[in-house]
Amino acid sequence: MNPKSIEAFRAVMLSGSMTIAARDIHTTQPNVSRLISHLEYDLDMKLFERTGNKLAPTDEAIAFLVEVERYYLGLKTLADSANNIKRFGSGRLRIATAPALGLGFIARAVKRFSEICPGVTVSVRTNNSATLEQLIASQLCDVALAVYASGGNSNAVKVEKLADIRGMCALPAGHRLADRSVIQASDLGGESFISLSHHDGMRERVDSLFQDLHISRSMLVETEFFATICCMVIHGVGVSVVNPLVAKDFIAQGLVLKPLEPRVEFPVYLLSPSHRPASILAQQFLDVVRQLLAEYMRELTTQSPLKTD
């Protein structure tokens, strides 16, 4: 398979045009067309449907692009690593994190790690938990912090639960329940509720709690991120059940957090490659993460939102 053909295919998929692709890879449109034809022949697969001047990728082309991007990501990682060694000579730590941990918590962890290990370049990627497992399985990242572990890459990925975080009820200031010390799930019956999207594994935990108790909520908004939920709660859009590791950063803006009963837990998992030991840098970063989790426990002790294993 000709690397030039792969480059031409990627350029066409990203630009949607053979003419623009030719400009991007510094060649001619006829040459791009020829390279695509050679690739289709090599793969024995039709990659584009041509109707007049319009070009539409097939389903096979879209699926193949995923693998091509993985290949290019690997090349970029090699180039970045070589550049980092040349510039710093002191190492690089590649972290991946779920969005629920990718705001204040990961920022504090990186800051403290950088104080312990000055000069080390830290690369942080934020992805959903399924993608985090793939990044670790492919050894594109050294460690990952996830809120869900499917076990789909169990042979390549080592999974360790770091903590179970007690979900908190998020309320706007002045809400009728804001003065209560503990919120019962039944108190939220009929409330406008802001929820995570259906594809998020944590959504199922919260939904199951209310379904088991036969409590009806008005599902007003669905979104992918706890941070978005917190902002909407602050503005009075509705109430929610949130991960306090994210929600803590919004208390100063007026978010009210109260313990919820019955409890719903949000786990934090450490993902690392199974087939090689953790580097010294990864071990030091993990020590920082454990310290921060313990500090969060002490800091929020009046609400007792955290419980480590």
Protein backbone atom coordinates (compact mmCIF):
# COMPACT_ATOMS: atom_id res chain seq x y z
CA MET A 1 0.00 0.00 0.00
CA ASN A 2 1.54 3.28 -1.17
CA PRO A 3 1.93 5.85 1.65
CA LYS A 4 1.29 8.61 -0.90
CA SER A 5 -2.11 7.06 -1.63
CA ILE A 6 -2.93 7.04 2.08
CA GLU A 7 -1.89 10.69 2.33
CA ALA A 8 -4.08 11.60 -0.65
CA PHE A 9 -7.05 9.69 0.76
CA ARG A 10 -6.75 11.44 4.13
CA ALA A 11 -6.46 14.85 2.49
CA VAL A 12 -9.60 14.24 0.41
CA MET A 13 -11.56 12.98 3.42
CA LEU A 14 -10.58 15.98 5.54
CA SER A 15 -11.17 18.59 2.82
CA GLY A 16 -14.08 17.00 0.93
CA SER A 17 -12.46 17.99 -2.38
CA MET A 18 -9.77 16.52 -4.60
CA THR A 19 -8.78 20.02 -5.71
CA ILE A 20 -8.28 21.28 -2.16
CA ALA A 21 -6.58 18.00 -1.21
CA ALA A 22 -4.13 18.45 -4.08
CA ARG A 23 -3.28 21.93 -2.81
CA ASP A 24 -2.86 20.68 0.76
CA ILE A 25 -0.40 17.93 -0.17
CA HIS A 26 1.33 20.00 -2.87
CA THR A 27 0.44 17.99 -5.93
CA THR A 28 -2.07 18.11 -8.79
CA GLN A 29 -5.73 17.11 -8.83
CA PRO A 30 -5.17 14.42 -11.52
CA ASN A 31 -2.42 12.91 -9.37
CA VAL A 32 -4.71 12.82 -6.34
CA SER A 33 -7.38 11.11 -8.43
CA ARG A 34 -4.80 8.59 -9.65
CA LEU A 35 -3.57 7.88 -6.11
CA ILE A 36 -7.13 7.33 -4.88
CA SER A 37 -7.80 4.92 -7.73
CA HIS A 38 -4.64 2.96 -6.88
CA LEU A 39 -5.73 2.79 -3.23
CA GLU A 40 -9.19 1.52 -4.15
CA TYR A 41 -7.52 -1.15 -6.31
CA ASP A 42 -5.10 -2.17 -3.54
CA LEU A 43 -7.90 -2.35 -0.98
CA ASP A 44 -10.42 -3.88 -3.38
CA MET A 45 -12.84 -1.38 -1.89
CA LYS A 46 -14.83 1.53 -3.28
CA LEU A 47 -13.99 4.63 -1.25
CA PHE A 48 -15.93 7.39 -3.02
CA GLU A 49 -19.12 7.77 -5.01
CA ARG A 50 -18.69 10.21 -7.87
CA THR A 51 -21.70 12.11 -9.23
CA GLY A 52 -20.67 14.82 -11.66
CA ASN A 53 -18.33 17.13 -9.79
CA LYS A 54 -19.50 15.91 -6.39
CA LEU A 55 -17.56 13.40 -4.30
CA ALA A 56 -19.14 11.48 -1.42
CA PRO A 57 -17.23 9.01 0.82
CA THR A 58 -18.65 5.53 1.23
CA ASP A 59 -19.29 3.94 4.61
CA GLU A 60 -16.14 1.90 4.04
CA ALA A 61 -14.12 5.08 3.51
CA ILE A 62 -15.40 6.58 6.76
CA ALA A 63 -14.47 3.42 8.67
CA PHE A 64 -11.05 3.27 6.98
CA LEU A 65 -10.36 6.91 7.92
CA VAL A 66 -10.54 5.96 11.62
CA GLU A 67 -7.62 3.56 11.13
CA VAL A 68 -5.71 6.09 9.01
CA GLU A 69 -6.08 8.75 11.73
CA ARG A 70 -4.76 6.28 14.29
CA TYR A 71 -1.72 5.75 12.07
CA TYR A 72 -1.12 9.50 11.74
CA LEU A 73 -1.61 9.98 15.48
CA GLY A 74 1.14 7.43 16.08
CA LEU A 75 3.48 9.27 13.71
CA LYS A 76 2.73 12.60 15.40
CA THR A 77 3.36 11.09 18.82
CA LEU A 78 6.77 9.87 17.64
CA ALA A 79 7.62 13.29 16.25
CA ASP A 80 6.47 15.05 19.43
CA SER A 81 8.47 12.64 21.59
CA ALA A 82 11.63 13.17 19.55
CA ASN A 83 11.18 16.95 19.67
CA ASN A 84 10.58 16.83 23.43
CA ILE A 85 13.73 14.77 24.04
CA LYS A 86 15.72 17.21 21.90
CA ARG A 87 14.34 20.29 23.68
CA PHE A 88 14.14 19.12 27.29
CA GLY A 89 15.93 15.81 27.68
CA SER A 90 14.04 15.28 30.94
CA GLY A 91 11.03 13.20 29.98
CA ARG A 92 7.40 13.45 29.03
CA LEU A 93 4.25 12.26 30.77
CA ARG A 94 1.20 11.50 28.60
CA ILE A 95 -2.06 11.66 30.53
CA ALA A 96 -5.57 10.96 29.32
CA THR A 97 -8.63 11.89 31.33
CA ALA A 98 -12.40 11.68 31.21
CA PRO A 99 -14.20 15.04 30.83
CA ALA A 100 -15.62 14.68 34.36
CA LEU A 101 -12.06 14.88 35.73
CA GLY A 102 -10.59 17.18 33.09
CA LEU A 103 -11.24 20.56 34.71
CA GLY A 104 -10.19 21.66 38.19
CA PHE A 105 -9.09 18.26 39.44
CA ILE A 106 -6.67 17.44 36.63
CA ALA A 107 -5.37 21.05 36.64
CA ARG A 108 -4.49 20.77 40.33
CA ALA A 109 -2.86 17.39 39.77
CA VAL A 110 -0.73 18.67 36.88
CA LYS A 111 0.30 21.79 38.82
CA ARG A 112 1.44 19.76 41.82
CA PHE A 113 3.18 17.18 39.62
CA SER A 114 5.04 19.97 37.77
CA GLU A 115 6.27 21.35 41.09
CA ILE A 116 7.64 17.91 41.98
CA CYS A 117 9.03 17.19 38.50
CA PRO A 118 10.02 20.55 36.96
CA GLY A 119 11.01 20.44 33.30
CA VAL A 120 8.83 17.44 32.46
CA THR A 121 6.42 18.07 29.59
CA VAL A 122 2.88 16.95 30.43
CA SER A 123 0.51 16.10 27.60
CA VAL A 124 -3.17 15.93 28.61
CA ARG A 125 -5.87 14.46 26.38
CA THR A 126 -9.57 14.51 27.24
CA ASN A 127 -11.73 11.73 25.81
CA ASN A 128 -14.63 9.50 26.73
CA SER A 129 -13.82 6.41 28.77
CA ALA A 130 -14.00 3.97 25.84
CA THR A 131 -11.42 6.02 23.94
CA LEU A 132 -9.24 6.22 27.05
CA GLU A 133 -9.02 2.42 27.09
CA GLN A 134 -7.94 2.43 23.44
CA LEU A 135 -5.26 5.04 24.10
CA ILE A 136 -3.84 2.96 26.94
CA ALA A 137 -4.12 -0.32 25.03
CA SER A 138 -2.20 1.28 22.14
CA GLN A 139 0.30 2.74 24.64
CA LEU A 140 -0.30 6.22 23.26
CA CYS A 141 -0.74 7.43 26.85
CA ASP A 142 1.05 6.45 30.05
CA VAL A 143 -1.91 6.68 32.43
CA ALA A 144 -5.57 7.54 32.17
CA LEU A 145 -8.20 8.59 34.69
CA ALA A 146 -11.61 7.26 33.74
CA VAL A 147 -15.09 7.23 35.26
CA TYR A 148 -16.07 4.03 33.46
CA ALA A 149 -14.15 0.86 32.60
CA SER A 150 -15.74 -1.52 30.10
CA GLY A 151 -13.01 -4.16 30.22
CA GLY A 152 -13.04 -4.34 26.43
CA ASN A 153 -9.24 -4.20 26.32
CA SER A 154 -8.72 -6.29 29.45
CA ASN A 155 -5.59 -8.03 28.13
CA ALA A 156 -3.86 -4.77 27.31
CA VAL A 157 -5.23 -2.47 30.01
CA LYS A 158 -4.78 -2.71 33.76
CA VAL A 159 -7.73 -1.22 35.67
CA GLU A 160 -7.58 -0.05 39.28
CA LYS A 161 -10.42 1.69 41.08
CA LEU A 162 -9.03 4.68 42.96
CA ALA A 163 -12.22 5.94 44.57
CA ASP A 164 -15.99 5.83 44.70
CA ILE A 165 -17.28 9.38 44.75
CA ARG A 166 -20.65 10.01 46.30
CA GLY A 167 -22.93 11.86 43.90
CA MET A 168 -24.24 15.19 45.15
CA CYS A 169 -27.51 16.93 44.45
CA ALA A 170 -26.82 20.19 42.62
CA LEU A 171 -29.25 23.05 43.27
CA PRO A 172 -29.39 26.72 42.36
CA ALA A 173 -29.10 29.26 45.16
CA GLY A 174 -32.49 29.99 46.69
CA HIS A 175 -34.01 26.66 45.67
CA ARG A 176 -36.73 25.32 47.98
CA LEU A 177 -34.41 22.44 49.00
CA ALA A 178 -31.21 24.48 49.39
CA ASP A 179 -31.46 24.69 53.20
CA ARG A 180 -31.77 20.96 53.78
CA SER A 181 -28.74 19.09 55.06
CA VAL A 182 -29.53 15.97 52.98
CA ILE A 183 -31.68 15.66 49.86
CA GLN A 184 -33.82 12.56 49.48
CA ALA A 185 -34.27 11.36 45.92
CA SER A 186 -38.03 11.58 46.49
CA ASP A 187 -37.62 15.34 47.11
CA LEU A 188 -36.71 15.72 43.43
CA GLY A 189 -39.97 14.24 42.14
CA GLY A 190 -41.44 16.54 39.50
CA GLU A 191 -38.34 18.76 39.38
CA SER A 192 -36.90 19.89 36.05
CA PHE A 193 -33.84 17.66 35.77
CA ILE A 194 -30.60 18.20 33.85
CA SER A 195 -29.00 14.89 32.88
CA LEU A 196 -25.94 13.46 31.23
CA SER A 197 -26.39 12.16 27.68
CA HIS A 198 -27.59 8.59 27.18
CA HIS A 199 -24.22 7.35 25.90
CA ASP A 200 -22.55 8.23 29.22
CA GLY A 201 -22.30 5.22 31.54
CA MET A 202 -22.89 7.42 34.59
CA ARG A 203 -26.31 8.39 33.24
CA GLU A 204 -27.47 4.82 33.80
CA ARG A 205 -26.49 4.92 37.49
CA VAL A 206 -28.53 8.05 38.14
CA ASP A 207 -31.51 6.89 36.07
CA SER A 208 -31.55 3.52 37.83
CA LEU A 209 -31.74 5.22 41.24
CA PHE A 210 -34.90 7.11 40.32
CA GLN A 211 -36.44 4.23 38.36
CA ASP A 212 -36.00 1.80 41.26
CA LEU A 213 -37.79 4.27 43.54
CA HIS A 214 -40.49 5.00 40.92
CA ILE A 215 -39.71 8.72 41.07
CA SER A 216 -40.74 10.77 38.05
CA ARG A 217 -38.60 13.69 36.88
CA SER A 218 -39.06 16.17 34.06
CA MET A 219 -36.02 15.53 31.83
CA LEU A 220 -35.53 19.08 30.61
CA VAL A 221 -31.95 19.04 29.28
CA GLU A 222 -29.37 16.40 28.33
CA THR A 223 -25.70 17.26 27.89
CA GLU A 224 -22.33 15.52 27.72
CA PHE A 225 -20.45 17.30 30.50
CA PHE A 226 -20.93 17.80 34.24
CA ALA A 227 -19.47 21.30 33.85
CA THR A 228 -22.31 22.23 31.51
CA ILE A 229 -24.81 20.77 33.97
CA CYS A 230 -23.38 22.86 36.81
CA CYS A 231 -23.62 26.07 34.78
CA MET A 232 -27.24 25.36 33.89
CA VAL A 233 -28.13 24.60 37.50
CA ILE A 234 -26.56 27.88 38.61
CA HIS A 235 -28.76 29.73 36.12
CA GLY A 236 -31.89 28.01 37.41
CA VAL A 237 -32.54 25.73 34.43
CA GLY A 238 -33.08 22.75 36.73
CA VAL A 239 -31.47 20.45 39.30
CA SER A 240 -29.18 17.47 38.89
CA VAL A 241 -27.01 14.80 40.49
CA VAL A 242 -23.35 15.51 39.84
CA ASN A 243 -19.79 14.39 40.47
CA PRO A 244 -18.41 16.71 43.22
CA LEU A 245 -14.90 16.57 41.77
CA VAL A 246 -16.30 18.73 38.96
CA ALA A 247 -19.03 20.57 40.86
CA LYS A 248 -16.68 21.82 43.60
CA ASP A 249 -15.24 24.37 41.18
CA PHE A 250 -18.68 25.96 40.72
CA ILE A 251 -19.57 26.50 44.40
CA ALA A 252 -18.07 30.00 44.33
CA GLN A 253 -20.43 30.84 41.46
CA GLY A 254 -23.50 30.00 43.52
CA LEU A 255 -23.91 26.26 43.03
CA VAL A 256 -25.39 24.52 46.08
CA LEU A 257 -24.28 20.93 46.74
CA LYS A 258 -26.11 18.61 49.13
CA PRO A 259 -25.60 14.89 49.88
CA LEU A 260 -28.17 12.70 48.14
CA GLU A 261 -29.94 9.70 49.66
CA PRO A 262 -30.02 6.92 48.59
CA ARG A 263 -26.41 7.18 47.54
CA VAL A 264 -25.24 6.97 43.95
CA GLU A 265 -21.52 6.48 43.41
CA PHE A 266 -19.30 7.84 40.66
CA PRO A 267 -16.11 5.75 40.44
CA VAL A 268 -12.65 6.96 39.44
CA TYR A 269 -10.48 4.38 37.66
CA LEU A 270 -6.79 4.37 36.89
CA LEU A 271 -5.99 2.81 33.51
CA SER A 272 -2.45 1.78 32.63
CA PRO A 273 -0.79 -0.57 30.11
CA SER A 274 -0.75 -4.20 31.27
CA HIS A 275 2.39 -5.28 29.46
CA ARG A 276 4.88 -2.78 30.84
CA PRO A 277 5.55 -1.37 34.29
CA ALA A 278 4.56 2.20 35.05
CA SER A 279 7.34 4.72 34.51
CA ILE A 280 8.74 6.70 37.43
CA LEU A 281 6.93 9.78 36.12
CA ALA A 282 3.61 7.90 35.92
CA GLN A 283 4.08 6.60 39.48
CA GLN A 284 4.80 10.10 40.75
CA PHE A 285 1.72 11.46 39.01
CA LEU A 286 -0.42 8.69 40.50
CA ASP A 287 0.91 9.57 43.98
CA VAL A 288 -0.25 13.14 43.38
CA VAL A 289 -3.70 11.95 42.29
CA ARG A 290 -4.08 9.84 45.43
CA GLN A 291 -3.02 12.78 47.60
CA LEU A 292 -5.54 15.09 45.94
CA LEU A 293 -8.37 12.59 46.36
CA ALA A 294 -7.54 12.32 50.05
CA GLU A 295 -7.48 16.12 50.37
CA TYR A 296 -10.84 16.42 48.65
CA MET A 297 -12.22 14.02 51.25
CA ARG A 298 -10.98 16.15 54.11
CA GLU A 299 -12.02 19.42 52.48
CA LEU A 300 -15.59 18.28 51.87
CA THR A 301 -15.91 16.28 55.06
CA THR A 302 -19.03 18.13 56.22
CA GLN A 303 -20.86 16.80 53.19
CA SER A 304 -18.93 13.49 53.09
CA PRO A 305 -19.08 13.19 49.30
CA LEU A 306 -16.03 10.99 48.82
CA LYS A 307 -15.33 7.42 49.81
CA THR A 308 -12.09 5.68 48.82
CA ASP A 309 -11.78 1.94 48.49
